[in-house]
Amino acid sequence: MSWHCLCADARTRRPWRAFTLVELLVVIGIIAVLIAVLLPALSAARRQAAAVKCATQLREIGNAFQMYAIDSKGWYPPSQIQPPWKDLTTYKLNDVTYPNSGVGAYWFNFLAKYVTKTKIGVEALNASDTEQQRTRSIFWSCPNWEGYITGSAAGGGYSRVQTGFGMNAWPTFRPDYPPAGQNFPPAAESSFMYTPASGPQGSWHKQVEWGRNGSNRLLISDSRFWLAESNPPPTQTSYPPAVVPQPTLSNSVTYTASQPGQTMVDLYRHGKYPTLQKNSTFDPNGGKIAFNILYADGHVATATTGQEAYRATRMKFPG
C-alpha cells in the first residue's frame, strides 16, 4: 500500500519549470527599483548618524572649554597665539615650544589634555603625527569631515591645523556693536594673538565674555578652517546662501577676508554639497545646508540655514 501511494505521487507530481527570461528580467527590475528607492534613504540615515556623532564630539569640546576655564581662573584659550606677541618671543605649551616650524598654538592644542587619558595626540608636530591623531582625537574625527590635505605636509599628509572644527575669534560682537560701517570689532578685541607690522593684536578673554548671550553666540562649529568667521553680506537686505571657499584638497584656496558674504563655517557638512564654481566657491543655488554649532552656553544644535552662521558669529543679521 505504501509503495502504491509513492508511485501515484510520483506520477502526479508537476515537473520543475525554470524562470523564463522575461520573468527573470522582471525580478531584476524590481530589485533595481528597490535599491534605487532605499539607497538615498540609507545614505541620509548614515549622514544623520554622522551628524549626531559630530554633535557629541562638539559637546565634549564644550566640556573641555569648561575644564580649561576652571583650571585657568575663568579664562578661555585663545583661538591662536602666534609669537612673537607683545613681550613673548615663544610660548611653551604641553612641553612644546611655539612657534613650531613657524606654526603657532591653536585652541585645540590648549584643550587636548582634557580629552585624552594620556597625552597621546596632544601635539601634532608633523604630517605623521597628524595622521595618527586623526584616529585618536575628537578634534579631527567628525565623520563627515573628509580632511584637509596640504601640499606642504610630507607625503601629502593631513594638515595639523585644519581639524574640521573652527573657533569664533570675536567674543565682543553684539547686535549694536561694532557700529554701522565697521565690519569687525578692533583687532585687539579678537582672541587671535599675533603681532603684525602695525603692533600687537588680540588678547585673552574670560569665559564670562563669551557667555554674554551665550545661547546665541557660536563658540565652535563645523568649519573648513581653524577659524569660524563670517564676513557681512554684500548688502543689508540680501544674503548669499553658499559663498564658501573650498580648501579641502590643497592649501592654495584660503579664507579671503575682503570677499563679501564669505564664511568659513562648513554649511554643507551634514547636508549635501553643491557644485564647485570656477572661482573655488560653491554654487549658491545648490546643495542642502546642515551644520553643527557649539554655542557658548554649552548646547549644540544643527543649523539648516546659512543665516545662522552669520547670526551666531556676528550676533545680528543682516549687517
C-alpha atoms as a PDB file:
ATOM      1  CA  MET A   1       0.000   0.000   0.000  1.00  0.00           C
ATOM      2  CA  SER A   2       2.771   2.350   0.884  1.00  0.00           C
ATOM      3  CA  TRP A   3       4.625   1.568  -2.385  1.00  0.00           C
ATOM      4  CA  HIS A   4       1.472   2.196  -4.454  1.00  0.00           C
ATOM      5  CA  CYS A   5       0.965   5.666  -2.864  1.00  0.00           C
ATOM      6  CA  LEU A   6       4.523   6.667  -3.532  1.00  0.00           C
ATOM      7  CA  CYS A   7       4.205   5.680  -7.179  1.00  0.00           C
ATOM      8  CA  ALA A   8       0.977   7.626  -7.531  1.00  0.00           C
ATOM      9  CA  ASP A   9       2.552  10.706  -6.018  1.00  0.00           C
ATOM     10  CA  ALA A  10       5.473  10.431  -8.406  1.00  0.00           C
ATOM     11  CA  ARG A  11       3.142  10.157 -11.416  1.00  0.00           C
ATOM     12  CA  THR A  12       1.025  13.200 -10.395  1.00  0.00           C
ATOM     13  CA  ARG A  13       3.903  15.498  -9.286  1.00  0.00           C
ATOM     14  CA  ARG A  14       4.292  18.589 -11.548  1.00  0.00           C
ATOM     15  CA  PRO A  15       7.637  18.804 -13.298  1.00  0.00           C
ATOM     16  CA  TRP A  16      10.059  21.645 -12.251  1.00  0.00           C
ATOM     17  CA  ARG A  17       9.936  24.654 -14.561  1.00  0.00           C
ATOM     18  CA  ALA A  18      12.723  27.253 -14.863  1.00  0.00           C
ATOM     19  CA  PHE A  19      12.147  31.021 -14.909  1.00  0.00           C
ATOM     20  CA  THR A  20      11.674  32.457 -18.327  1.00  0.00           C
ATOM     21  CA  LEU A  21      13.933  35.301 -19.445  1.00  0.00           C
ATOM     22  CA  VAL A  22      11.067  37.773 -19.124  1.00  0.00           C
ATOM     23  CA  GLU A  23      10.312  36.689 -15.558  1.00  0.00           C
ATOM     24  CA  LEU A  24      13.996  36.948 -14.623  1.00  0.00           C
ATOM     25  CA  LEU A  25      14.219  40.449 -16.073  1.00  0.00           C
ATOM     26  CA  VAL A  26      11.105  41.482 -14.152  1.00  0.00           C
ATOM     27  CA  VAL A  27      12.640  40.266 -10.866  1.00  0.00           C
ATOM     28  CA  ILE A  28      15.919  42.058 -11.596  1.00  0.00           C
ATOM     29  CA  GLY A  29      13.987  45.227 -12.439  1.00  0.00           C
ATOM     30  CA  ILE A  30      12.065  45.078  -9.168  1.00  0.00           C
ATOM     31  CA  ILE A  31      15.301  44.627  -7.216  1.00  0.00           C
ATOM     32  CA  ALA A  32      16.885  47.563  -9.045  1.00  0.00           C
ATOM     33  CA  VAL A  33      13.904  49.782  -8.248  1.00  0.00           C
ATOM     34  CA  LEU A  34      14.039  48.797  -4.578  1.00  0.00           C
ATOM     35  CA  ILE A  35      17.755  49.574  -4.430  1.00  0.00           C
ATOM     36  CA  ALA A  36      17.189  52.953  -6.096  1.00  0.00           C
ATOM     37  CA  VAL A  37      14.497  53.756  -3.543  1.00  0.00           C
ATOM     38  CA  LEU A  38      16.406  52.539  -0.493  1.00  0.00           C
ATOM     39  CA  LEU A  39      19.922  53.842  -1.206  1.00  0.00           C
ATOM     40  CA  PRO A  40      19.098  57.575  -0.768  1.00  0.00           C
ATOM     41  CA  ALA A  41      17.289  56.764   2.463  1.00  0.00           C
ATOM     42  CA  LEU A  42      20.231  54.709   3.728  1.00  0.00           C
ATOM     43  CA  SER A  43      22.671  57.437   2.712  1.00  0.00           C
ATOM     44  CA  ALA A  44      20.589  60.068   4.514  1.00  0.00           C
ATOM     45  CA  ALA A  45      20.451  57.842   7.608  1.00  0.00           C
ATOM     46  CA  ARG A  46      24.232  57.456   7.585  1.00  0.00           C
ATOM     47  CA  ARG A  47      24.750  61.199   7.298  1.00  0.00           C
ATOM     48  CA  GLN A  48      22.265  61.812  10.106  1.00  0.00           C
ATOM     49  CA  ALA A  49      24.093  59.322  12.310  1.00  0.00           C
ATOM     50  CA  ALA A  50      27.370  61.065  11.487  1.00  0.00           C
ATOM     51  CA  ALA A  51      25.819  64.434  12.359  1.00  0.00           C
ATOM     52  CA  VAL A  52      24.763  63.074  15.761  1.00  0.00           C
ATOM     53  CA  LYS A  53      28.279  61.715  16.406  1.00  0.00           C
ATOM     54  CA  CYS A  54      29.773  65.057  15.365  1.00  0.00           C
ATOM     55  CA  ALA A  55      27.405  66.868  17.749  1.00  0.00           C
ATOM     56  CA  THR A  56      28.529  64.559  20.564  1.00  0.00           C
ATOM     57  CA  GLN A  57      32.138  65.453  19.854  1.00  0.00           C
ATOM     58  CA  LEU A  58      31.291  69.151  19.978  1.00  0.00           C
ATOM     59  CA  ARG A  59      29.709  68.663  23.406  1.00  0.00           C
ATOM     60  CA  GLU A  60      32.942  67.035  24.579  1.00  0.00           C
ATOM     61  CA  ILE A  61      34.866  70.004  23.234  1.00  0.00           C
ATOM     62  CA  GLY A  62      32.493  72.281  25.146  1.00  0.00           C
ATOM     63  CA  ASN A  63      33.264  70.336  28.332  1.00  0.00           C
ATOM     64  CA  ALA A  64      36.984  70.782  27.624  1.00  0.00           C
ATOM     65  CA  PHE A  65      36.482  74.557  27.422  1.00  0.00           C
ATOM     66  CA  GLN A  66      34.771  74.432  30.812  1.00  0.00           C
ATOM     67  CA  MET A  67      37.612  72.444  32.378  1.00  0.00           C
ATOM     68  CA  TYR A  68      40.201  74.777  30.899  1.00  0.00           C
ATOM     69  CA  ALA A  69      38.349  77.771  32.387  1.00  0.00           C
ATOM     70  CA  ILE A  70      38.241  76.092  35.815  1.00  0.00           C
ATOM     71  CA  ASP A  71      41.989  75.477  35.706  1.00  0.00           C
ATOM     72  CA  SER A  72      42.731  78.956  34.338  1.00  0.00           C
ATOM     73  CA  LYS A  73      40.751  81.179  36.715  1.00  0.00           C
ATOM     74  CA  GLY A  74      37.950  81.788  34.258  1.00  0.00           C
ATOM     75  CA  TRP A  75      39.998  82.394  31.116  1.00  0.00           C
ATOM     76  CA  TYR A  76      39.301  80.694  27.811  1.00  0.00           C
ATOM     77  CA  PRO A  77      42.120  79.694  25.445  1.00  0.00           C
ATOM     78  CA  PRO A  78      42.886  81.960  22.503  1.00  0.00           C
ATOM     79  CA  SER A  79      41.834  80.868  19.037  1.00  0.00           C
ATOM     80  CA  GLN A  80      45.546  81.050  18.209  1.00  0.00           C
ATOM     81  CA  ILE A  81      48.695  82.509  19.705  1.00  0.00           C
ATOM     82  CA  GLN A  82      51.447  83.146  17.196  1.00  0.00           C
ATOM     83  CA  PRO A  83      54.586  84.501  18.875  1.00  0.00           C
ATOM     84  CA  PRO A  84      56.133  86.944  18.793  1.00  0.00           C
ATOM     85  CA  TRP A  85      53.228  88.619  20.559  1.00  0.00           C
ATOM     86  CA  LYS A  86      53.851  91.623  22.792  1.00  0.00           C
ATOM     87  CA  ASP A  87      56.784  90.589  25.023  1.00  0.00           C
ATOM     88  CA  LEU A  88      56.506  86.871  24.199  1.00  0.00           C
ATOM     89  CA  THR A  89      59.064  85.628  21.702  1.00  0.00           C
ATOM     90  CA  THR A  90      57.967  81.989  22.216  1.00  0.00           C
ATOM     91  CA  TYR A  91      55.149  80.196  24.023  1.00  0.00           C
ATOM     92  CA  LYS A  92      55.539  76.824  25.729  1.00  0.00           C
ATOM     93  CA  LEU A  93      52.522  74.521  25.868  1.00  0.00           C
ATOM     94  CA  ASN A  94      52.478  70.803  26.722  1.00  0.00           C
ATOM     95  CA  ASP A  95      56.295  70.766  26.605  1.00  0.00           C
ATOM     96  CA  VAL A  96      56.299  72.094  23.032  1.00  0.00           C
ATOM     97  CA  THR A  97      57.761  75.493  22.239  1.00  0.00           C
ATOM     98  CA  TYR A  98      55.739  77.570  19.764  1.00  0.00           C
ATOM     99  CA  PRO A  99      56.002  78.656  17.068  1.00  0.00           C
ATOM    100  CA  ASN A 100      56.902  75.168  15.954  1.00  0.00           C
ATOM    101  CA  SER A 101      58.026  75.110  12.312  1.00  0.00           C
ATOM    102  CA  GLY A 102      56.503  78.554  12.064  1.00  0.00           C
ATOM    103  CA  VAL A 103      53.083  77.381  13.334  1.00  0.00           C
ATOM    104  CA  GLY A 104      51.551  78.822  16.479  1.00  0.00           C
ATOM    105  CA  ALA A 105      49.473  77.134  19.182  1.00  0.00           C
ATOM    106  CA  TYR A 106      45.775  76.787  18.339  1.00  0.00           C
ATOM    107  CA  TRP A 107      42.704  76.498  20.545  1.00  0.00           C
ATOM    108  CA  PHE A 108      42.664  72.688  20.275  1.00  0.00           C
ATOM    109  CA  ASN A 109      46.294  72.483  21.461  1.00  0.00           C
ATOM    110  CA  PHE A 110      45.201  74.156  24.710  1.00  0.00           C
ATOM    111  CA  LEU A 111      42.264  71.764  25.178  1.00  0.00           C
ATOM    112  CA  ALA A 112      43.731  68.442  24.072  1.00  0.00           C
ATOM    113  CA  LYS A 113      44.873  67.336  27.517  1.00  0.00           C
ATOM    114  CA  TYR A 114      41.251  67.388  28.709  1.00  0.00           C
ATOM    115  CA  VAL A 115      40.027  64.918  26.101  1.00  0.00           C
ATOM    116  CA  THR A 116      42.780  62.284  26.189  1.00  0.00           C
ATOM    117  CA  LYS A 117      43.561  59.901  29.045  1.00  0.00           C
ATOM    118  CA  THR A 118      47.237  60.110  28.190  1.00  0.00           C
ATOM    119  CA  LYS A 119      48.875  62.866  26.205  1.00  0.00           C
ATOM    120  CA  ILE A 120      48.575  60.863  23.017  1.00  0.00           C
ATOM    121  CA  GLY A 121      47.687  63.274  20.297  1.00  0.00           C
ATOM    122  CA  VAL A 122      48.162  66.429  22.334  1.00  0.00           C
ATOM    123  CA  GLU A 123      50.509  67.968  19.771  1.00  0.00           C
ATOM    124  CA  ALA A 124      50.717  67.371  16.036  1.00  0.00           C
ATOM    125  CA  LEU A 125      54.207  68.406  15.023  1.00  0.00           C
ATOM    126  CA  ASN A 126      54.363  66.855  11.578  1.00  0.00           C
ATOM    127  CA  ALA A 127      52.291  65.012   8.980  1.00  0.00           C
ATOM    128  CA  SER A 128      52.946  61.609  10.559  1.00  0.00           C
ATOM    129  CA  ASP A 129      51.763  62.797  13.981  1.00  0.00           C
ATOM    130  CA  THR A 130      48.644  64.318  12.472  1.00  0.00           C
ATOM    131  CA  GLU A 131      47.723  61.167  10.570  1.00  0.00           C
ATOM    132  CA  GLN A 132      47.883  59.168  13.828  1.00  0.00           C
ATOM    133  CA  GLN A 133      45.902  61.757  15.766  1.00  0.00           C
ATOM    134  CA  ARG A 134      43.050  61.765  13.283  1.00  0.00           C
ATOM    135  CA  THR A 135      42.029  58.332  14.585  1.00  0.00           C
ATOM    136  CA  ARG A 136      42.542  59.220  18.258  1.00  0.00           C
ATOM    137  CA  SER A 137      41.289  62.726  18.813  1.00  0.00           C
ATOM    138  CA  ILE A 138      37.822  64.268  18.741  1.00  0.00           C
ATOM    139  CA  PHE A 139      39.339  67.344  17.100  1.00  0.00           C
ATOM    140  CA  TRP A 140      39.962  65.523  13.792  1.00  0.00           C
ATOM    141  CA  SER A 141      37.267  62.878  13.755  1.00  0.00           C
ATOM    142  CA  CYS A 142      33.966  64.414  12.661  1.00  0.00           C
ATOM    143  CA  PRO A 143      32.724  61.532  10.453  1.00  0.00           C
ATOM    144  CA  ASN A 144      31.597  63.793   7.607  1.00  0.00           C
ATOM    145  CA  TRP A 145      34.839  65.793   7.517  1.00  0.00           C
ATOM    146  CA  GLU A 146      36.937  64.443   4.663  1.00  0.00           C
ATOM    147  CA  GLY A 147      40.094  66.158   5.837  1.00  0.00           C
ATOM    148  CA  TYR A 148      42.278  68.975   4.596  1.00  0.00           C
ATOM    149  CA  ILE A 149      45.204  67.618   2.622  1.00  0.00           C
ATOM    150  CA  THR A 150      48.029  70.105   2.437  1.00  0.00           C
ATOM    151  CA  GLY A 151      50.791  70.035  -0.131  1.00  0.00           C
ATOM    152  CA  SER A 152      53.241  71.315   2.478  1.00  0.00           C
ATOM    153  CA  ALA A 153      52.936  68.140   4.564  1.00  0.00           C
ATOM    154  CA  ALA A 154      55.349  65.298   3.895  1.00  0.00           C
ATOM    155  CA  GLY A 155      53.784  62.771   1.538  1.00  0.00           C
ATOM    156  CA  GLY A 156      50.663  64.884   1.062  1.00  0.00           C
ATOM    157  CA  GLY A 157      49.526  64.290   4.642  1.00  0.00           C
ATOM    158  CA  TYR A 158      46.677  65.913   6.518  1.00  0.00           C
ATOM    159  CA  SER A 159      47.043  69.421   7.848  1.00  0.00           C
ATOM    160  CA  ARG A 160      47.740  69.656  11.560  1.00  0.00           C
ATOM    161  CA  VAL A 161      45.890  72.977  11.662  1.00  0.00           C
ATOM    162  CA  GLN A 162      42.629  72.339   9.776  1.00  0.00           C
ATOM    163  CA  THR A 163      40.897  69.786  12.001  1.00  0.00           C
ATOM    164  CA  GLY A 164      37.352  70.229  10.683  1.00  0.00           C
ATOM    165  CA  PHE A 165      36.244  72.488  13.550  1.00  0.00           C
ATOM    166  CA  GLY A 166      36.727  76.243  13.836  1.00  0.00           C
ATOM    167  CA  MET A 167      36.605  78.664  16.773  1.00  0.00           C
ATOM    168  CA  ASN A 168      34.893  82.021  16.700  1.00  0.00           C
ATOM    169  CA  ALA A 169      37.614  84.573  17.450  1.00  0.00           C
ATOM    170  CA  TRP A 170      35.294  87.503  18.258  1.00  0.00           C
ATOM    171  CA  PRO A 171      33.621  87.382  21.702  1.00  0.00           C
ATOM    172  CA  THR A 172      32.832  91.122  21.654  1.00  0.00           C
ATOM    173  CA  PHE A 173      30.290  91.147  18.818  1.00  0.00           C
ATOM    174  CA  ARG A 174      26.901  92.495  19.926  1.00  0.00           C
ATOM    175  CA  PRO A 175      23.774  93.323  17.925  1.00  0.00           C
ATOM    176  CA  ASP A 176      24.656  97.031  18.217  1.00  0.00           C
ATOM    177  CA  TYR A 177      28.456  96.617  18.045  1.00  0.00           C
ATOM    178  CA  PRO A 178      30.558  97.283  16.079  1.00  0.00           C
ATOM    179  CA  PRO A 179      28.745 100.353  14.757  1.00  0.00           C
ATOM    180  CA  ALA A 180      27.373 100.582  11.226  1.00  0.00           C
ATOM    181  CA  GLY A 181      30.118 100.828   8.645  1.00  0.00           C
ATOM    182  CA  GLN A 182      32.616  98.852  10.719  1.00  0.00           C
ATOM    183  CA  ASN A 183      32.715  95.199   9.677  1.00  0.00           C
ATOM    184  CA  PHE A 184      34.591  93.806  12.687  1.00  0.00           C
ATOM    185  CA  PRO A 185      35.498  94.967  16.205  1.00  0.00           C
ATOM    186  CA  PRO A 186      39.044  96.310  16.647  1.00  0.00           C
ATOM    187  CA  ALA A 187      41.618  93.555  16.083  1.00  0.00           C
ATOM    188  CA  ALA A 188      42.818  93.938  19.675  1.00  0.00           C
ATOM    189  CA  GLU A 189      39.431  92.558  20.818  1.00  0.00           C
ATOM    190  CA  SER A 190      39.866  89.268  18.977  1.00  0.00           C
ATOM    191  CA  SER A 191      41.273  86.093  20.534  1.00  0.00           C
ATOM    192  CA  PHE A 192      43.734  85.742  17.644  1.00  0.00           C
ATOM    193  CA  MET A 193      47.011  86.792  19.236  1.00  0.00           C
ATOM    194  CA  TYR A 194      49.807  87.835  16.907  1.00  0.00           C
ATOM    195  CA  THR A 195      51.978  90.848  16.141  1.00  0.00           C
ATOM    196  CA  PRO A 196      51.703  92.337  12.659  1.00  0.00           C
ATOM    197  CA  ALA A 197      53.720  95.336  11.497  1.00  0.00           C
ATOM    198  CA  SER A 198      51.094  97.656  12.987  1.00  0.00           C
ATOM    199  CA  GLY A 199      51.596  96.299  16.516  1.00  0.00           C
ATOM    200  CA  PRO A 200      50.296  93.531  18.802  1.00  0.00           C
ATOM    201  CA  GLN A 201      46.773  92.298  18.126  1.00  0.00           C
ATOM    202  CA  GLY A 202      44.383  90.082  20.037  1.00  0.00           C
ATOM    203  CA  SER A 203      44.156  89.192  23.709  1.00  0.00           C
ATOM    204  CA  TRP A 204      42.983  86.578  26.205  1.00  0.00           C
ATOM    205  CA  HIS A 205      39.269  86.619  27.046  1.00  0.00           C
ATOM    206  CA  LYS A 206      37.337  85.293  30.012  1.00  0.00           C
ATOM    207  CA  GLN A 207      34.543  82.760  29.868  1.00  0.00           C
ATOM    208  CA  VAL A 208      32.040  85.397  31.003  1.00  0.00           C
ATOM    209  CA  GLU A 209      32.730  87.440  27.865  1.00  0.00           C
ATOM    210  CA  TRP A 210      31.814  84.505  25.666  1.00  0.00           C
ATOM    211  CA  GLY A 211      28.848  83.783  27.910  1.00  0.00           C
ATOM    212  CA  ARG A 212      27.068  87.053  27.187  1.00  0.00           C
ATOM    213  CA  ASN A 213      24.109  85.956  25.073  1.00  0.00           C
ATOM    214  CA  GLY A 214      25.854  82.586  25.042  1.00  0.00           C
ATOM    215  CA  SER A 215      22.791  80.675  23.859  1.00  0.00           C
ATOM    216  CA  ASN A 216      23.112  82.513  20.529  1.00  0.00           C
ATOM    217  CA  ARG A 217      26.884  83.007  20.274  1.00  0.00           C
ATOM    218  CA  LEU A 218      28.890  80.478  18.242  1.00  0.00           C
ATOM    219  CA  LEU A 219      31.955  79.154  20.050  1.00  0.00           C
ATOM    220  CA  ILE A 220      32.950  76.214  17.815  1.00  0.00           C
ATOM    221  CA  SER A 221      31.336  74.963  14.622  1.00  0.00           C
ATOM    222  CA  ASP A 222      31.857  72.642  11.697  1.00  0.00           C
ATOM    223  CA  SER A 223      34.362  74.633   9.693  1.00  0.00           C
ATOM    224  CA  ARG A 224      36.707  74.373   6.720  1.00  0.00           C
ATOM    225  CA  PHE A 225      39.242  76.497   8.598  1.00  0.00           C
ATOM    226  CA  TRP A 226      40.548  76.629  12.158  1.00  0.00           C
ATOM    227  CA  LEU A 227      38.730  79.952  12.453  1.00  0.00           C
ATOM    228  CA  ALA A 228      34.921  80.154  12.243  1.00  0.00           C
ATOM    229  CA  GLU A 229      34.334  83.610  10.868  1.00  0.00           C
ATOM    230  CA  SER A 230      31.766  85.280   8.628  1.00  0.00           C
ATOM    231  CA  ASN A 231      32.056  88.449   6.602  1.00  0.00           C
ATOM    232  CA  PRO A 232      28.938  90.631   6.413  1.00  0.00           C
ATOM    233  CA  PRO A 233      26.569  90.016   3.496  1.00  0.00           C
ATOM    234  CA  PRO A 234      27.093  92.272   0.444  1.00  0.00           C
ATOM    235  CA  THR A 235      24.065  94.439   1.331  1.00  0.00           C
ATOM    236  CA  GLN A 236      21.819  95.000   4.291  1.00  0.00           C
ATOM    237  CA  THR A 237      18.930  93.195   2.630  1.00  0.00           C
ATOM    238  CA  SER A 238      20.451  90.380   0.567  1.00  0.00           C
ATOM    239  CA  TYR A 239      22.217  87.221   1.637  1.00  0.00           C
ATOM    240  CA  PRO A 240      24.491  84.899  -0.361  1.00  0.00           C
ATOM    241  CA  PRO A 241      23.493  81.460   0.946  1.00  0.00           C
ATOM    242  CA  ALA A 242      26.540  79.491  -0.102  1.00  0.00           C
ATOM    243  CA  VAL A 243      29.633  81.607  -0.636  1.00  0.00           C
ATOM    244  CA  VAL A 244      32.132  79.254   0.927  1.00  0.00           C
ATOM    245  CA  PRO A 245      35.692  78.596  -0.293  1.00  0.00           C
ATOM    246  CA  GLN A 246      36.754  75.008  -0.861  1.00  0.00           C
ATOM    247  CA  PRO A 247      40.240  74.434   0.623  1.00  0.00           C
ATOM    248  CA  THR A 248      39.981  70.660   1.037  1.00  0.00           C
ATOM    249  CA  LEU A 249      42.370  69.210  -1.499  1.00  0.00           C
ATOM    250  CA  SER A 250      45.126  71.803  -1.404  1.00  0.00           C
ATOM    251  CA  ASN A 251      46.218  74.728   0.708  1.00  0.00           C
ATOM    252  CA  SER A 252      46.086  77.152  -2.225  1.00  0.00           C
ATOM    253  CA  VAL A 253      42.499  78.286  -1.548  1.00  0.00           C
ATOM    254  CA  THR A 254      42.141  80.124   1.731  1.00  0.00           C
ATOM    255  CA  TYR A 255      39.784  82.481   3.502  1.00  0.00           C
ATOM    256  CA  THR A 256      39.527  85.832   1.710  1.00  0.00           C
ATOM    257  CA  ALA A 257      38.728  88.479   4.264  1.00  0.00           C
ATOM    258  CA  SER A 258      37.677  91.001   1.610  1.00  0.00           C
ATOM    259  CA  GLN A 259      35.040  88.814  -0.062  1.00  0.00           C
ATOM    260  CA  PRO A 260      31.538  89.926   0.988  1.00  0.00           C
ATOM    261  CA  GLY A 261      29.400  87.196   2.455  1.00  0.00           C
ATOM    262  CA  GLN A 262      32.179  84.658   2.777  1.00  0.00           C
ATOM    263  CA  THR A 263      32.135  82.309   5.730  1.00  0.00           C
ATOM    264  CA  MET A 264      34.465  79.527   6.776  1.00  0.00           C
ATOM    265  CA  VAL A 265      31.629  77.712   8.558  1.00  0.00           C
ATOM    266  CA  ASP A 266      31.108  74.420   6.693  1.00  0.00           C
ATOM    267  CA  LEU A 267      27.476  74.989   5.750  1.00  0.00           C
ATOM    268  CA  TYR A 268      27.021  71.655   3.952  1.00  0.00           C
ATOM    269  CA  ARG A 269      28.888  69.305   6.314  1.00  0.00           C
ATOM    270  CA  HIS A 270      25.820  67.213   7.195  1.00  0.00           C
ATOM    271  CA  GLY A 271      23.678  68.068   4.204  1.00  0.00           C
ATOM    272  CA  LYS A 272      24.686  67.935   0.545  1.00  0.00           C
ATOM    273  CA  TYR A 273      27.491  69.850  -1.117  1.00  0.00           C
ATOM    274  CA  PRO A 274      26.623  71.836  -4.248  1.00  0.00           C
ATOM    275  CA  THR A 275      28.824  72.004  -7.313  1.00  0.00           C
ATOM    276  CA  LEU A 276      32.085  73.934  -7.199  1.00  0.00           C
ATOM    277  CA  GLN A 277      32.343  77.035  -9.348  1.00  0.00           C
ATOM    278  CA  LYS A 278      35.397  78.260 -11.258  1.00  0.00           C
ATOM    279  CA  ASN A 279      36.235  80.800  -8.558  1.00  0.00           C
ATOM    280  CA  SER A 280      36.580  77.997  -5.980  1.00  0.00           C
ATOM    281  CA  THR A 281      33.312  78.816  -4.267  1.00  0.00           C
ATOM    282  CA  PHE A 282      30.213  76.668  -4.030  1.00  0.00           C
ATOM    283  CA  ASP A 283      27.226  77.278  -6.269  1.00  0.00           C
ATOM    284  CA  PRO A 284      24.903  79.415  -4.094  1.00  0.00           C
ATOM    285  CA  ASN A 285      21.819  77.892  -5.723  1.00  0.00           C
ATOM    286  CA  GLY A 286      22.515  74.247  -4.946  1.00  0.00           C
ATOM    287  CA  GLY A 287      23.177  71.843  -2.118  1.00  0.00           C
ATOM    288  CA  LYS A 288      21.494  71.296   1.221  1.00  0.00           C
ATOM    289  CA  ILE A 289      22.637  73.221   4.292  1.00  0.00           C
ATOM    290  CA  ALA A 290      23.149  71.382   7.591  1.00  0.00           C
ATOM    291  CA  PHE A 291      25.970  72.047  10.060  1.00  0.00           C
ATOM    292  CA  ASN A 292      26.573  71.765  13.802  1.00  0.00           C
ATOM    293  CA  ILE A 293      27.265  74.626  16.198  1.00  0.00           C
ATOM    294  CA  LEU A 294      28.571  74.505  19.760  1.00  0.00           C
ATOM    295  CA  TYR A 295      27.188  77.630  21.394  1.00  0.00           C
ATOM    296  CA  ALA A 296      28.975  79.458  24.169  1.00  0.00           C
ATOM    297  CA  ASP A 297      26.445  78.291  26.775  1.00  0.00           C
ATOM    298  CA  GLY A 298      27.428  74.681  26.036  1.00  0.00           C
ATOM    299  CA  HIS A 299      24.479  73.449  23.986  1.00  0.00           C
ATOM    300  CA  VAL A 300      24.870  72.020  20.470  1.00  0.00           C
ATOM    301  CA  ALA A 301      22.381  72.413  17.642  1.00  0.00           C
ATOM    302  CA  THR A 302      22.194  71.602  13.938  1.00  0.00           C
ATOM    303  CA  ALA A 303      21.533  74.656  11.777  1.00  0.00           C
ATOM    304  CA  THR A 304      19.819  74.304   8.412  1.00  0.00           C
ATOM    305  CA  THR A 305      20.119  77.866   7.105  1.00  0.00           C
ATOM    306  CA  GLY A 306      23.228  79.805   6.189  1.00  0.00           C
ATOM    307  CA  GLN A 307      21.857  82.843   8.004  1.00  0.00           C
ATOM    308  CA  GLU A 308      22.591  81.106  11.300  1.00  0.00           C
ATOM    309  CA  ALA A 309      26.321  81.077  10.517  1.00  0.00           C
ATOM    310  CA  TYR A 310      26.210  84.874  10.232  1.00  0.00           C
ATOM    311  CA  ARG A 311      23.906  85.477  13.176  1.00  0.00           C
ATOM    312  CA  ALA A 312      25.817  83.187  15.524  1.00  0.00           C
ATOM    313  CA  THR A 313      29.217  84.725  14.737  1.00  0.00           C
ATOM    314  CA  ARG A 314      28.172  88.355  14.241  1.00  0.00           C
ATOM    315  CA  MET A 315      25.217  88.324  16.684  1.00  0.00           C
ATOM    316  CA  LYS A 316      22.887  90.001  14.211  1.00  0.00           C
ATOM    317  CA  PHE A 317      21.619  89.670  10.663  1.00  0.00           C
ATOM    318  CA  PRO A 318      21.991  91.336   8.282  1.00  0.00           C
ATOM    319  CA  GLY A 319      24.947  93.661   8.626  1.00  0.00           C
END
